[in-house]
PDB file of N, CA and C in Angstrom:
ATOM      1  N   THR A   1     -10.780   6.506   2.490  1.00  0.00           N
ATOM      2  CA  THR A   1      -9.890   5.399   2.779  1.00  0.00           C
ATOM      3  C   THR A   1     -10.667   4.091   2.763  1.00  0.00           C
ATOM      4  N   CYS A   2     -10.121   3.107   2.079  1.00  0.00           N
ATOM      5  CA  CYS A   2     -10.681   1.753   2.076  1.00  0.00           C
ATOM      6  C   CYS A   2     -10.026   0.993   3.227  1.00  0.00           C
ATOM      7  N   ASN A   3     -10.818   0.557   4.202  1.00  0.00           N
ATOM      8  CA  ASN A   3     -10.308  -0.174   5.361  1.00  0.00           C
ATOM      9  C   ASN A   3     -10.531  -1.669   5.184  1.00  0.00           C
ATOM     10  N   ILE A   4      -9.445  -2.434   5.259  1.00  0.00           N
ATOM     11  CA  ILE A   4      -9.516  -3.893   5.214  1.00  0.00           C
ATOM     12  C   ILE A   4      -9.460  -4.357   6.667  1.00  0.00           C
ATOM     13  N   GLU A   5     -10.574  -4.887   7.170  1.00  0.00           N
ATOM     14  CA  GLU A   5     -10.674  -5.216   8.593  1.00  0.00           C
ATOM     15  C   GLU A   5     -10.663  -6.710   8.879  1.00  0.00           C
ATOM     16  N   ALA A   6     -10.703  -7.551   7.843  1.00  0.00           N
ATOM     17  CA  ALA A   6     -10.673  -9.004   7.998  1.00  0.00           C
ATOM     18  C   ALA A   6      -9.830  -9.580   6.869  1.00  0.00           C
ATOM     19  N   ASP A   7      -9.475 -10.844   6.982  1.00  0.00           N
ATOM     20  CA  ASP A   7      -8.679 -11.477   5.934  1.00  0.00           C
ATOM     21  C   ASP A   7      -9.364 -11.313   4.582  1.00  0.00           C
ATOM     22  N   ALA A   8      -8.573 -10.969   3.561  1.00  0.00           N
ATOM     23  CA  ALA A   8      -9.162 -10.707   2.244  1.00  0.00           C
ATOM     24  C   ALA A   8      -8.153 -10.978   1.143  1.00  0.00           C
ATOM     25  N   LYS A   9      -8.668 -11.412  -0.012  1.00  0.00           N
ATOM     26  CA  LYS A   9      -7.871 -11.489  -1.236  1.00  0.00           C
ATOM     27  C   LYS A   9      -8.562 -10.588  -2.240  1.00  0.00           C
ATOM     28  N   ILE A  10      -7.830  -9.596  -2.713  1.00  0.00           N
ATOM     29  CA  ILE A  10      -8.404  -8.583  -3.596  1.00  0.00           C
ATOM     30  C   ILE A  10      -7.635  -8.626  -4.906  1.00  0.00           C
ATOM     31  N   ARG A  11      -8.363  -8.798  -6.002  1.00  0.00           N
ATOM     32  CA  ARG A  11      -7.713  -8.950  -7.305  1.00  0.00           C
ATOM     33  C   ARG A  11      -8.262  -7.926  -8.295  1.00  0.00           C
ATOM     34  N   GLY A  12      -7.345  -7.205  -8.962  1.00  0.00           N
ATOM     35  CA  GLY A  12      -7.708  -6.346 -10.080  1.00  0.00           C
ATOM     36  C   GLY A  12      -8.501  -5.098  -9.739  1.00  0.00           C
ATOM     37  N   MET A  13      -8.419  -4.623  -8.512  1.00  0.00           N
ATOM     38  CA  MET A  13      -9.158  -3.411  -8.132  1.00  0.00           C
ATOM     39  C   MET A  13      -8.259  -2.185  -8.221  1.00  0.00           C
ATOM     40  N   SER A  14      -8.898  -1.022  -8.403  1.00  0.00           N
ATOM     41  CA  SER A  14      -8.188   0.254  -8.379  1.00  0.00           C
ATOM     42  C   SER A  14      -8.614   1.027  -7.149  1.00  0.00           C
ATOM     43  N   PHE A  15      -7.626   1.554  -6.432  1.00  0.00           N
ATOM     44  CA  PHE A  15      -7.861   2.375  -5.250  1.00  0.00           C
ATOM     45  C   PHE A  15      -7.315   3.758  -5.576  1.00  0.00           C
ATOM     46  N   PHE A  16      -8.132   4.792  -5.436  1.00  0.00           N
ATOM     47  CA  PHE A  16      -7.756   6.131  -5.882  1.00  0.00           C
ATOM     48  C   PHE A  16      -8.119   7.166  -4.831  1.00  0.00           C
ATOM     49  N   SER A  17      -7.222   8.118  -4.609  1.00  0.00           N
ATOM     50  CA  SER A  17      -7.494   9.251  -3.733  1.00  0.00           C
ATOM     51  C   SER A  17      -7.319  10.523  -4.540  1.00  0.00           C
ATOM     52  N   LYS A  18      -8.360  11.316  -4.580  1.00  0.00           N
ATOM     53  CA  LYS A  18      -8.300  12.561  -5.342  1.00  0.00           C
ATOM     54  C   LYS A  18      -7.481  13.626  -4.626  1.00  0.00           C
ATOM     55  N   ASN A  19      -7.493  13.622  -3.306  1.00  0.00           N
ATOM     56  CA  ASN A  19      -6.789  14.646  -2.546  1.00  0.00           C
ATOM     57  C   ASN A  19      -5.457  14.096  -2.052  1.00  0.00           C
ATOM     58  N   ALA A  20      -4.395  14.406  -2.769  1.00  0.00           N
ATOM     59  CA  ALA A  20      -3.079  13.832  -2.485  1.00  0.00           C
ATOM     60  C   ALA A  20      -2.494  14.274  -1.153  1.00  0.00           C
ATOM     61  N   ILE A  21      -2.921  15.386  -0.615  1.00  0.00           N
ATOM     62  CA  ILE A  21      -2.342  15.830   0.650  1.00  0.00           C
ATOM     63  C   ILE A  21      -3.297  15.612   1.815  1.00  0.00           C
ATOM     64  N   ALA A  22      -4.284  14.772   1.617  1.00  0.00           N
ATOM     65  CA  ALA A  22      -5.200  14.428   2.704  1.00  0.00           C
ATOM     66  C   ALA A  22      -4.426  13.710   3.806  1.00  0.00           C
ATOM     67  N   SER A  23      -5.011  13.639   4.978  1.00  0.00           N
ATOM     68  CA  SER A  23      -4.318  13.040   6.114  1.00  0.00           C
ATOM     69  C   SER A  23      -4.494  11.527   6.201  1.00  0.00           C
ATOM     70  N   ASP A  24      -5.236  10.922   5.295  1.00  0.00           N
ATOM     71  CA  ASP A  24      -5.475   9.482   5.338  1.00  0.00           C
ATOM     72  C   ASP A  24      -4.873   8.783   4.127  1.00  0.00           C
ATOM     73  N   PRO A  25      -4.430   7.530   4.316  1.00  0.00           N
ATOM     74  CA  PRO A  25      -3.935   6.756   3.175  1.00  0.00           C
ATOM     75  C   PRO A  25      -5.080   6.357   2.250  1.00  0.00           C
ATOM     76  N   VAL A  26      -4.745   5.903   1.061  1.00  0.00           N
ATOM     77  CA  VAL A  26      -5.750   5.421   0.109  1.00  0.00           C
ATOM     78  C   VAL A  26      -6.395   4.142   0.651  1.00  0.00           C
ATOM     79  N   THR A  27      -5.578   3.255   1.219  1.00  0.00           N
ATOM     80  CA  THR A  27      -6.043   1.975   1.752  1.00  0.00           C
ATOM     81  C   THR A  27      -5.354   1.711   3.083  1.00  0.00           C
ATOM     82  N   ARG A  28      -6.073   1.077   4.004  1.00  0.00           N
ATOM     83  CA  ARG A  28      -5.509   0.736   5.312  1.00  0.00           C
ATOM     84  C   ARG A  28      -5.853  -0.723   5.629  1.00  0.00           C
ATOM     85  N   VAL A  29      -4.834  -1.501   6.032  1.00  0.00           N
ATOM     86  CA  VAL A  29      -5.062  -2.867   6.491  1.00  0.00           C
ATOM     87  C   VAL A  29      -5.018  -2.823   8.014  1.00  0.00           C
ATOM     88  N   ARG A  30      -6.127  -3.214   8.634  1.00  0.00           N
ATOM     89  CA  ARG A  30      -6.296  -3.089  10.081  1.00  0.00           C
ATOM     90  C   ARG A  30      -5.644  -4.239  10.856  1.00  0.00           C
ATOM     91  N   LYS A  31      -5.351  -3.970  12.110  1.00  0.00           N
ATOM     92  CA  LYS A  31      -4.751  -4.945  13.019  1.00  0.00           C
ATOM     93  C   LYS A  31      -5.528  -6.260  12.977  1.00  0.00           C
ATOM     94  N   GLY A  32      -4.798  -7.369  12.855  1.00  0.00           N
ATOM     95  CA  GLY A  32      -5.412  -8.690  12.846  1.00  0.00           C
ATOM     96  C   GLY A  32      -5.819  -9.192  11.473  1.00  0.00           C
ATOM     97  N   ALA A  33      -5.818  -8.319  10.480  1.00  0.00           N
ATOM     98  CA  ALA A  33      -6.220  -8.718   9.122  1.00  0.00           C
ATOM     99  C   ALA A  33      -4.997  -9.143   8.312  1.00  0.00           C
ATOM    100  N   ARG A  34      -5.226 -10.078   7.417  1.00  0.00           N
ATOM    101  CA  ARG A  34      -4.207 -10.474   6.439  1.00  0.00           C
ATOM    102  C   ARG A  34      -4.810 -10.231   5.063  1.00  0.00           C
ATOM    103  N   ALA A  35      -4.166  -9.373   4.273  1.00  0.00           N
ATOM    104  CA  ALA A  35      -4.697  -9.013   2.957  1.00  0.00           C
ATOM    105  C   ALA A  35      -3.705  -9.393   1.868  1.00  0.00           C
ATOM    106  N   VAL A  36      -4.242  -9.955   0.787  1.00  0.00           N
ATOM    107  CA  VAL A  36      -3.445 -10.253  -0.401  1.00  0.00           C
ATOM    108  C   VAL A  36      -4.028  -9.423  -1.540  1.00  0.00           C
ATOM    109  N   PHE A  37      -3.210  -8.552  -2.103  1.00  0.00           N
ATOM    110  CA  PHE A  37      -3.616  -7.706  -3.227  1.00  0.00           C
ATOM    111  C   PHE A  37      -2.901  -8.226  -4.468  1.00  0.00           C
ATOM    112  N   GLN A  38      -3.663  -8.526  -5.510  1.00  0.00           N
ATOM    113  CA  GLN A  38      -3.061  -9.033  -6.742  1.00  0.00           C
ATOM    114  C   GLN A  38      -3.523  -8.191  -7.920  1.00  0.00           C
ATOM    115  N   ALA A  39      -2.561  -7.675  -8.694  1.00  0.00           N
ATOM    116  CA  ALA A  39      -2.840  -6.873  -9.897  1.00  0.00           C
ATOM    117  C   ALA A  39      -3.746  -5.687  -9.597  1.00  0.00           C
ATOM    118  N   CYS A  40      -3.518  -5.043  -8.459  1.00  0.00           N
ATOM    119  CA  CYS A  40      -4.302  -3.858  -8.081  1.00  0.00           C
ATOM    120  C   CYS A  40      -3.516  -2.589  -8.420  1.00  0.00           C
ATOM    121  N   VAL A  41      -4.232  -1.489  -8.552  1.00  0.00           N
ATOM    122  CA  VAL A  41      -3.621  -0.187  -8.811  1.00  0.00           C
ATOM    123  C   VAL A  41      -3.978   0.738  -7.660  1.00  0.00           C
ATOM    124  N   PHE A  42      -2.956   1.379  -7.084  1.00  0.00           N
ATOM    125  CA  PHE A  42      -3.132   2.347  -6.015  1.00  0.00           C
ATOM    126  C   PHE A  42      -2.622   3.675  -6.553  1.00  0.00           C
ATOM    127  N   SER A  43      -3.469   4.698  -6.556  1.00  0.00           N
ATOM    128  CA  SER A  43      -3.014   5.976  -7.108  1.00  0.00           C
ATOM    129  C   SER A  43      -3.636   7.140  -6.360  1.00  0.00           C
ATOM    130  N   ARG A  44      -2.924   8.254  -6.442  1.00  0.00           N
ATOM    131  CA  ARG A  44      -3.416   9.515  -5.891  1.00  0.00           C
ATOM    132  C   ARG A  44      -2.933  10.629  -6.799  1.00  0.00           C
ATOM    133  N   GLU A  45      -3.653  11.734  -6.746  1.00  0.00           N
ATOM    134  CA  GLU A  45      -3.231  12.885  -7.544  1.00  0.00           C
ATOM    135  C   GLU A  45      -1.829  13.297  -7.138  1.00  0.00           C
ATOM    136  N   GLU A  46      -1.066  13.752  -8.093  1.00  0.00           N
ATOM    137  CA  GLU A  46       0.282  14.242  -7.806  1.00  0.00           C
ATOM    138  C   GLU A  46       0.211  15.474  -6.919  1.00  0.00           C
ATOM    139  N   ALA A  47       0.977  15.440  -5.858  1.00  0.00           N
ATOM    140  CA  ALA A  47       1.117  16.607  -4.988  1.00  0.00           C
ATOM    141  C   ALA A  47       2.220  16.317  -3.996  1.00  0.00           C
ATOM    142  N   GLY A  48       2.592  17.325  -3.253  1.00  0.00           N
ATOM    143  CA  GLY A  48       3.670  17.193  -2.293  1.00  0.00           C
ATOM    144  C   GLY A  48       3.420  16.182  -1.212  1.00  0.00           C
ATOM    145  N   GLY A  49       2.349  16.058  -0.613  1.00  0.00           N
ATOM    146  CA  GLY A  49       2.052  15.286   0.585  1.00  0.00           C
ATOM    147  C   GLY A  49       2.980  14.135   0.929  1.00  0.00           C
ATOM    148  N   THR A  50       3.042  13.809   2.191  1.00  0.00           N
ATOM    149  CA  THR A  50       3.883  12.715   2.661  1.00  0.00           C
ATOM    150  C   THR A  50       3.052  11.543   3.162  1.00  0.00           C
ATOM    151  N   VAL A  51       1.763  11.598   3.020  1.00  0.00           N
ATOM    152  CA  VAL A  51       0.883  10.529   3.484  1.00  0.00           C
ATOM    153  C   VAL A  51       1.091   9.298   2.598  1.00  0.00           C
ATOM    154  N   PRO A  52       1.286   8.108   3.203  1.00  0.00           N
ATOM    155  CA  PRO A  52       1.492   6.906   2.394  1.00  0.00           C
ATOM    156  C   PRO A  52       0.227   6.498   1.652  1.00  0.00           C
ATOM    157  N   MET A  53       0.408   5.724   0.588  1.00  0.00           N
ATOM    158  CA  MET A  53      -0.758   5.201  -0.129  1.00  0.00           C
ATOM    159  C   MET A  53      -1.454   4.112   0.663  1.00  0.00           C
ATOM    160  N   VAL A  54      -0.663   3.237   1.284  1.00  0.00           N
ATOM    161  CA  VAL A  54      -1.225   2.120   2.045  1.00  0.00           C
ATOM    162  C   VAL A  54      -0.616   2.134   3.444  1.00  0.00           C
ATOM    163  N   GLU A  55      -1.468   1.989   4.439  1.00  0.00           N
ATOM    164  CA  GLU A  55      -1.012   1.906   5.822  1.00  0.00           C
ATOM    165  C   GLU A  55      -1.299   0.498   6.337  1.00  0.00           C
ATOM    166  N   ILE A  56      -0.272  -0.150   6.882  1.00  0.00           N
ATOM    167  CA  ILE A  56      -0.409  -1.481   7.462  1.00  0.00           C
ATOM    168  C   ILE A  56      -0.276  -1.311   8.972  1.00  0.00           C
ATOM    169  N   GLU A  57      -1.380  -1.514   9.700  1.00  0.00           N
ATOM    170  CA  GLU A  57      -1.346  -1.340  11.148  1.00  0.00           C
ATOM    171  C   GLU A  57      -0.488  -2.420  11.800  1.00  0.00           C
ATOM    172  N   ASP A  58       0.049  -2.118  12.981  1.00  0.00           N
ATOM    173  CA  ASP A  58       0.800  -3.092  13.755  1.00  0.00           C
ATOM    174  C   ASP A  58      -0.110  -4.294  14.017  1.00  0.00           C
ATOM    175  N   GLY A  59       0.355  -5.495  13.703  1.00  0.00           N
ATOM    176  CA  GLY A  59      -0.460  -6.693  13.881  1.00  0.00           C
ATOM    177  C   GLY A  59      -1.207  -7.118  12.627  1.00  0.00           C
ATOM    178  N   ALA A  60      -1.084  -6.352  11.558  1.00  0.00           N
ATOM    179  CA  ALA A  60      -1.691  -6.713  10.269  1.00  0.00           C
ATOM    180  C   ALA A  60      -0.598  -7.270   9.360  1.00  0.00           C
ATOM    181  N   GLU A  61      -1.011  -7.965   8.304  1.00  0.00           N
ATOM    182  CA  GLU A  61      -0.076  -8.501   7.320  1.00  0.00           C
ATOM    183  C   GLU A  61      -0.617  -8.234   5.926  1.00  0.00           C
ATOM    184  N   ALA A  62       0.291  -8.040   4.958  1.00  0.00           N
ATOM    185  CA  ALA A  62      -0.159  -7.789   3.588  1.00  0.00           C
ATOM    186  C   ALA A  62       0.857  -8.316   2.586  1.00  0.00           C
ATOM    187  N   ILE A  63       0.326  -8.824   1.479  1.00  0.00           N
ATOM    188  CA  ILE A  63       1.141  -9.259   0.350  1.00  0.00           C
ATOM    189  C   ILE A  63       0.616  -8.545  -0.890  1.00  0.00           C
ATOM    190  N   PHE A  64       1.512  -7.944  -1.652  1.00  0.00           N
ATOM    191  CA  PHE A  64       1.164  -7.249  -2.891  1.00  0.00           C
ATOM    192  C   PHE A  64       1.863  -7.976  -4.033  1.00  0.00           C
ATOM    193  N   ILE A  65       1.083  -8.485  -5.001  1.00  0.00           N
ATOM    194  CA  ILE A  65       1.635  -9.235  -6.123  1.00  0.00           C
ATOM    195  C   ILE A  65       1.251  -8.527  -7.423  1.00  0.00           C
ATOM    196  N   GLY A  66       2.240  -8.052  -8.155  1.00  0.00           N
ATOM    197  CA  GLY A  66       1.978  -7.419  -9.443  1.00  0.00           C
ATOM    198  C   GLY A  66       1.133  -6.164  -9.357  1.00  0.00           C
ATOM    199  N   CYS A  67       1.266  -5.417  -8.274  1.00  0.00           N
ATOM    200  CA  CYS A  67       0.479  -4.186  -8.092  1.00  0.00           C
ATOM    201  C   CYS A  67       1.255  -2.974  -8.601  1.00  0.00           C
ATOM    202  N   THR A  68       0.530  -1.919  -8.911  1.00  0.00           N
ATOM    203  CA  THR A  68       1.111  -0.675  -9.400  1.00  0.00           C
ATOM    204  C   THR A  68       0.738   0.452  -8.449  1.00  0.00           C
ATOM    205  N   PHE A  69       1.723   1.305  -8.132  1.00  0.00           N
ATOM    206  CA  PHE A  69       1.527   2.434  -7.229  1.00  0.00           C
ATOM    207  C   PHE A  69       1.964   3.697  -7.957  1.00  0.00           C
ATOM    208  N   VAL A  70       1.082   4.689  -8.050  1.00  0.00           N
ATOM    209  CA  VAL A  70       1.367   5.891  -8.828  1.00  0.00           C
ATOM    210  C   VAL A  70       0.991   7.135  -8.037  1.00  0.00           C
ATOM    211  N   GLY A  71       1.932   8.081  -7.927  1.00  0.00           N
ATOM    212  CA  GLY A  71       1.640   9.414  -7.415  1.00  0.00           C
ATOM    213  C   GLY A  71       1.921   9.638  -5.948  1.00  0.00           C
ATOM    214  N   GLY A  72       2.769  10.574  -5.657  1.00  0.00           N
ATOM    215  CA  GLY A  72       3.102  11.156  -4.366  1.00  0.00           C
ATOM    216  C   GLY A  72       3.082  10.306  -3.117  1.00  0.00           C
ATOM    217  N   GLY A  73       3.999  10.600  -2.215  1.00  0.00           N
ATOM    218  CA  GLY A  73       4.076   9.953  -0.913  1.00  0.00           C
ATOM    219  C   GLY A  73       4.742   8.584  -0.963  1.00  0.00           C
ATOM    220  N   GLU A  74       5.025   8.072   0.219  1.00  0.00           N
ATOM    221  CA  GLU A  74       5.588   6.732   0.346  1.00  0.00           C
ATOM    222  C   GLU A  74       4.512   5.709  -0.007  1.00  0.00           C
ATOM    223  N   VAL A  75       4.896   4.576  -0.558  1.00  0.00           N
ATOM    224  CA  VAL A  75       3.924   3.552  -0.934  1.00  0.00           C
ATOM    225  C   VAL A  75       3.310   2.911   0.305  1.00  0.00           C
ATOM    226  N   ILE A  76       4.135   2.410   1.227  1.00  0.00           N
ATOM    227  CA  ILE A  76       3.655   1.667   2.392  1.00  0.00           C
ATOM    228  C   ILE A  76       4.143   2.316   3.681  1.00  0.00           C
ATOM    229  N   ASN A  77       3.225   2.497   4.630  1.00  0.00           N
ATOM    230  CA  ASN A  77       3.601   2.840   5.998  1.00  0.00           C
ATOM    231  C   ASN A  77       3.351   1.585   6.822  1.00  0.00           C
ATOM    232  N   ASN A  78       4.410   0.856   7.099  1.00  0.00           N
ATOM    233  CA  ASN A  78       4.349  -0.377   7.872  1.00  0.00           C
ATOM    234  C   ASN A  78       4.538   0.005   9.334  1.00  0.00           C
ATOM    235  N   ILE A  79       3.447   0.254  10.032  1.00  0.00           N
ATOM    236  CA  ILE A  79       3.512   0.809  11.384  1.00  0.00           C
ATOM    237  C   ILE A  79       4.293  -0.086  12.338  1.00  0.00           C
ATOM    238  N   GLY A  80       4.119  -1.408  12.245  1.00  0.00           N
ATOM    239  CA  GLY A  80       4.841  -2.325  13.131  1.00  0.00           C
ATOM    240  C   GLY A  80       6.319  -2.422  12.810  1.00  0.00           C
ATOM    241  N   GLY A  81       6.694  -2.115  11.570  1.00  0.00           N
ATOM    242  CA  GLY A  81       8.091  -2.113  11.167  1.00  0.00           C
ATOM    243  C   GLY A  81       8.679  -3.470  10.822  1.00  0.00           C
ATOM    244  N   ASP A  82       7.940  -4.566  11.035  1.00  0.00           N
ATOM    245  CA  ASP A  82       8.444  -5.908  10.731  1.00  0.00           C
ATOM    246  C   ASP A  82       8.318  -6.149   9.228  1.00  0.00           C
ATOM    247  N   ILE A  83       9.456  -6.106   8.521  1.00  0.00           N
ATOM    248  CA  ILE A  83       9.404  -6.198   7.059  1.00  0.00           C
ATOM    249  C   ILE A  83       8.940  -7.566   6.568  1.00  0.00           C
ATOM    250  N   THR A  84       8.956  -8.590   7.426  1.00  0.00           N
ATOM    251  CA  THR A  84       8.461  -9.902   7.003  1.00  0.00           C
ATOM    252  C   THR A  84       6.936  -9.935   6.943  1.00  0.00           C
ATOM    253  N   LYS A  85       6.265  -8.949   7.501  1.00  0.00           N
ATOM    254  CA  LYS A  85       4.798  -8.902   7.520  1.00  0.00           C
ATOM    255  C   LYS A  85       4.209  -8.192   6.309  1.00  0.00           C
ATOM    256  N   VAL A  86       5.067  -7.540   5.499  1.00  0.00           N
ATOM    257  CA  VAL A  86       4.600  -6.842   4.296  1.00  0.00           C
ATOM    258  C   VAL A  86       5.508  -7.248   3.137  1.00  0.00           C
ATOM    259  N   GLN A  87       4.945  -7.962   2.175  1.00  0.00           N
ATOM    260  CA  GLN A  87       5.699  -8.512   1.052  1.00  0.00           C
ATOM    261  C   GLN A  87       5.277  -7.829  -0.252  1.00  0.00           C
ATOM    262  N   MET A  88       6.243  -7.401  -1.035  1.00  0.00           N
ATOM    263  CA  MET A  88       6.005  -6.814  -2.354  1.00  0.00           C
ATOM    264  C   MET A  88       6.666  -7.733  -3.382  1.00  0.00           C
ATOM    265  N   ILE A  89       5.872  -8.259  -4.321  1.00  0.00           N
ATOM    266  CA  ILE A  89       6.394  -9.195  -5.310  1.00  0.00           C
ATOM    267  C   ILE A  89       6.032  -8.694  -6.708  1.00  0.00           C
ATOM    268  N   ALA A  90       7.042  -8.404  -7.521  1.00  0.00           N
ATOM    269  CA  ALA A  90       6.845  -7.978  -8.915  1.00  0.00           C
ATOM    270  C   ALA A  90       5.890  -6.794  -9.035  1.00  0.00           C
ATOM    271  N   CYS A  91       6.101  -5.791  -8.185  1.00  0.00           N
ATOM    272  CA  CYS A  91       5.267  -4.577  -8.222  1.00  0.00           C
ATOM    273  C   CYS A  91       6.006  -3.448  -8.939  1.00  0.00           C
ATOM    274  N   SER A  92       5.298  -2.376  -9.207  1.00  0.00           N
ATOM    275  CA  SER A  92       5.867  -1.224  -9.897  1.00  0.00           C
ATOM    276  C   SER A  92       5.410   0.053  -9.215  1.00  0.00           C
ATOM    277  N   GLU A  93       6.346   0.991  -9.026  1.00  0.00           N
ATOM    278  CA  GLU A  93       5.971   2.292  -8.458  1.00  0.00           C
ATOM    279  C   GLU A  93       6.490   3.410  -9.341  1.00  0.00           C
ATOM    280  N   ARG A  94       5.674   4.455  -9.479  1.00  0.00           N
ATOM    281  CA  ARG A  94       6.036   5.634 -10.279  1.00  0.00           C
ATOM    282  C   ARG A  94       5.673   6.882  -9.494  1.00  0.00           C
ATOM    283  N   ASP A  95       6.585   7.835  -9.482  1.00  0.00           N
ATOM    284  CA  ASP A  95       6.335   9.133  -8.849  1.00  0.00           C
ATOM    285  C   ASP A  95       5.943   8.993  -7.386  1.00  0.00           C
ATOM    286  N   THR A  96       6.600   8.072  -6.667  1.00  0.00           N
ATOM    287  CA  THR A  96       6.359   7.920  -5.237  1.00  0.00           C
ATOM    288  C   THR A  96       7.668   8.172  -4.499  1.00  0.00           C
ATOM    289  N   ASP A  97       7.621   8.066  -3.172  1.00  0.00           N
ATOM    290  CA  ASP A  97       8.820   8.234  -2.354  1.00  0.00           C
ATOM    291  C   ASP A  97       9.416   6.891  -1.935  1.00  0.00           C
ATOM    292  N   GLY A  98       9.169   5.836  -2.707  1.00  0.00           N
ATOM    293  CA  GLY A  98       9.720   4.515  -2.416  1.00  0.00           C
ATOM    294  C   GLY A  98       8.730   3.620  -1.691  1.00  0.00           C
ATOM    295  N   TYR A  99       9.118   2.342  -1.558  1.00  0.00           N
ATOM    296  CA  TYR A  99       8.198   1.347  -1.006  1.00  0.00           C
ATOM    297  C   TYR A  99       8.046   1.411   0.508  1.00  0.00           C
ATOM    298  N   GLY A 100       9.041   1.819   1.244  1.00  0.00           N
ATOM    299  CA  GLY A 100       8.958   1.821   2.702  1.00  0.00           C
ATOM    300  C   GLY A 100       9.502   0.520   3.278  1.00  0.00           C
ATOM    301  N   ALA A 101       9.141   0.215   4.532  1.00  0.00           N
ATOM    302  CA  ALA A 101       9.660  -0.943   5.266  1.00  0.00           C
ATOM    303  C   ALA A 101       8.923  -2.212   4.861  1.00  0.00           C
ATOM    304  N   VAL A 102       9.414  -2.857   3.790  1.00  0.00           N
ATOM    305  CA  VAL A 102       8.783  -4.058   3.247  1.00  0.00           C
ATOM    306  C   VAL A 102       9.871  -5.040   2.817  1.00  0.00           C
ATOM    307  N   THR A 103       9.477  -6.287   2.569  1.00  0.00           N
ATOM    308  CA  THR A 103      10.347  -7.241   1.893  1.00  0.00           C
ATOM    309  C   THR A 103       9.984  -7.179   0.419  1.00  0.00           C
ATOM    310  N   ASN A 104      10.952  -6.844  -0.406  1.00  0.00           N
ATOM    311  CA  ASN A 104      10.692  -6.562  -1.811  1.00  0.00           C
ATOM    312  C   ASN A 104      11.407  -7.589  -2.689  1.00  0.00           C
ATOM    313  N   THR A 105      10.659  -8.239  -3.578  1.00  0.00           N
ATOM    314  CA  THR A 105      11.229  -9.233  -4.484  1.00  0.00           C
ATOM    315  C   THR A 105      10.850  -8.899  -5.922  1.00  0.00           C
ATOM    316  N   GLY A 106      11.814  -8.540  -6.726  1.00  0.00           N
ATOM    317  CA  GLY A 106      11.585  -8.328  -8.153  1.00  0.00           C
ATOM    318  C   GLY A 106      10.679  -7.168  -8.502  1.00  0.00           C
ATOM    319  N   SER A 107      10.638  -6.151  -7.669  1.00  0.00           N
ATOM    320  CA  SER A 107       9.798  -4.978  -7.956  1.00  0.00           C
ATOM    321  C   SER A 107      10.643  -3.850  -8.514  1.00  0.00           C
ATOM    322  N   LEU A 108      10.021  -3.009  -9.311  1.00  0.00           N
ATOM    323  CA  LEU A 108      10.703  -1.848  -9.895  1.00  0.00           C
ATOM    324  C   LEU A 108      10.181  -0.576  -9.271  1.00  0.00           C
TER     325      LEU A 108
END
């Protein structure tokens, strides 16, 4: 798991988990951090698992712009549940269980 523990802007990176049914998300944004992901790819091997690709801790914020999510599980686990704290803009998901509790604008 890649842990984002401070404010960050991440552009063009790929985050990958080989074990799709592992108990941890591919990426986690920690409490107090604000992360902006632009043109990133989040993927995991296809499998049944229900573990989300990205976990946003209560008190964290994240914006995803033009990101791609591929393979099993929910895209975002927004632990705090406040959809204004997690924004998805022009993103794409394939073979997932949906985006989760987020504000979604122009994503497929």
